[in-house]
Amino acid sequence: MEDNAGQSLYEFLARIAHRYYVDDRTQEEIAREFALSRAKVQRLLVQAREAGVVEIRIQAPPWLHLELEDGLATEFHLTDVIVSTSQADPQSQREAVARSAARYLERRLGKGAIVAVGHGRDTGEVPRFFRPGRRLDCTFVSAMGGSPRVDAPTNPNEICRALAQQCGGRAESLYAPAYVESEEMRDGLLQQEAISHTLRLAAQASVALVGIGGTNEDCTMVRSGCLSTDEIARLVGQGAVGDVLGNYMDVDGRLIAAPHRDRLVALSVDELRRIETVVAVVSEAEKPLAILGVLRAGVIDVLIVDEANARAVLDLVRRGGESGDPAGREEVPAGKKATTRATGNKKGVVGSTKD
């Protein structure tokens, strides 16, 4: 008797599952056919998967790194991770990551969005591939000052203009250096309406596009003349491994209490955390520790990165992250927002957007 009941249930689950997955019927249509509630159909579809009636196989292309993306998203509570396949040379790698970032922005940005934009070679490559195919009327606003010594494609004002041009949007420039000579000069600049207005607008963004800077002598901050090699060396001595918008962190994600911070014209770490979606684009081979430190700071929501860096970051986590505790650091939260990645709807499972 129990065997017959079990067989009948199995057959019933198979019929429900076949209607949904093979016949492509909606849950509402199935509910009407079998005189069930829609909620009951949902529960039966879940039961069908748990009982092994339904087995979902995803034939992912070999260049996708879904497990690697999931590992990073879970470890650092990220909303999304996109890992691009490793390329033979640095420029090809930068282009691959930038192309992925451009596709993400095309999907993510809605009309009228405000996008705060940082600097750097990876961020500066994104406009080349940004082609929304529709007018977005977005405002791209510089999230930090620039430098006349940095190449135009990596300066935030130029990046904003290039992105705006591709989607019929507008660019809001920040006419100030990234670093000024003194705290008093910085405070004076912030009292000017043109500068304070731009930074206020950047802080109101729903999306931020930033790079993750390193601490070697070829990093953007040194090449642009914002910081000297001696200043970078002192930051490294304090434990700095990388920065976002000129805010330097150690490998544990703690903000470095460095004197140059009082000369910085940019959004702060706290202002970045309040932006709904902060997208980091990074590809350079020397960046694993920098990425790890910034991720641990809880600043980033979406990471777009190359395969080699992604694997290196997870390897650092497994080995303990080379953490330490030199003086001159400030505690910051270890995570920013709880991820919805694990619970979000996915194509082909119960709760699909098909209904």
Foldseek 3Di string as FASTA:
>chain_A
DVVVVVVVLLVVLLVLLCCCQPVVDDLVVSCVVVVHDSVVSLVSQVVCVVVVVDDDDDPDPPQFDVVLFVVVCVVLQFQGEGAGEDDDDQVVQLLRLLLVVLVVCLVPAAAAFEEEEEFDDSLLNNLVNNANVEARQYEYAYQFADFPQADLSGGSQSSRVSNCVRRVYYYQYAHDHQFDDALVVLVVSCVDCSNVVRNVSNLVGQEYEWEKWALDCPTRCNSRVVDDNVLSVVCVVQQFGIDISPFTFHLQQWTFQDRRVSGGRGDDLVSLLPHNAYEYGYEDPSRLSSVNNNSQNARHRYYRYYPNSSVSNVVCVVVPRPDDDGPRTHDHHRHRDRYCNVVDDDPPHRPHPSD
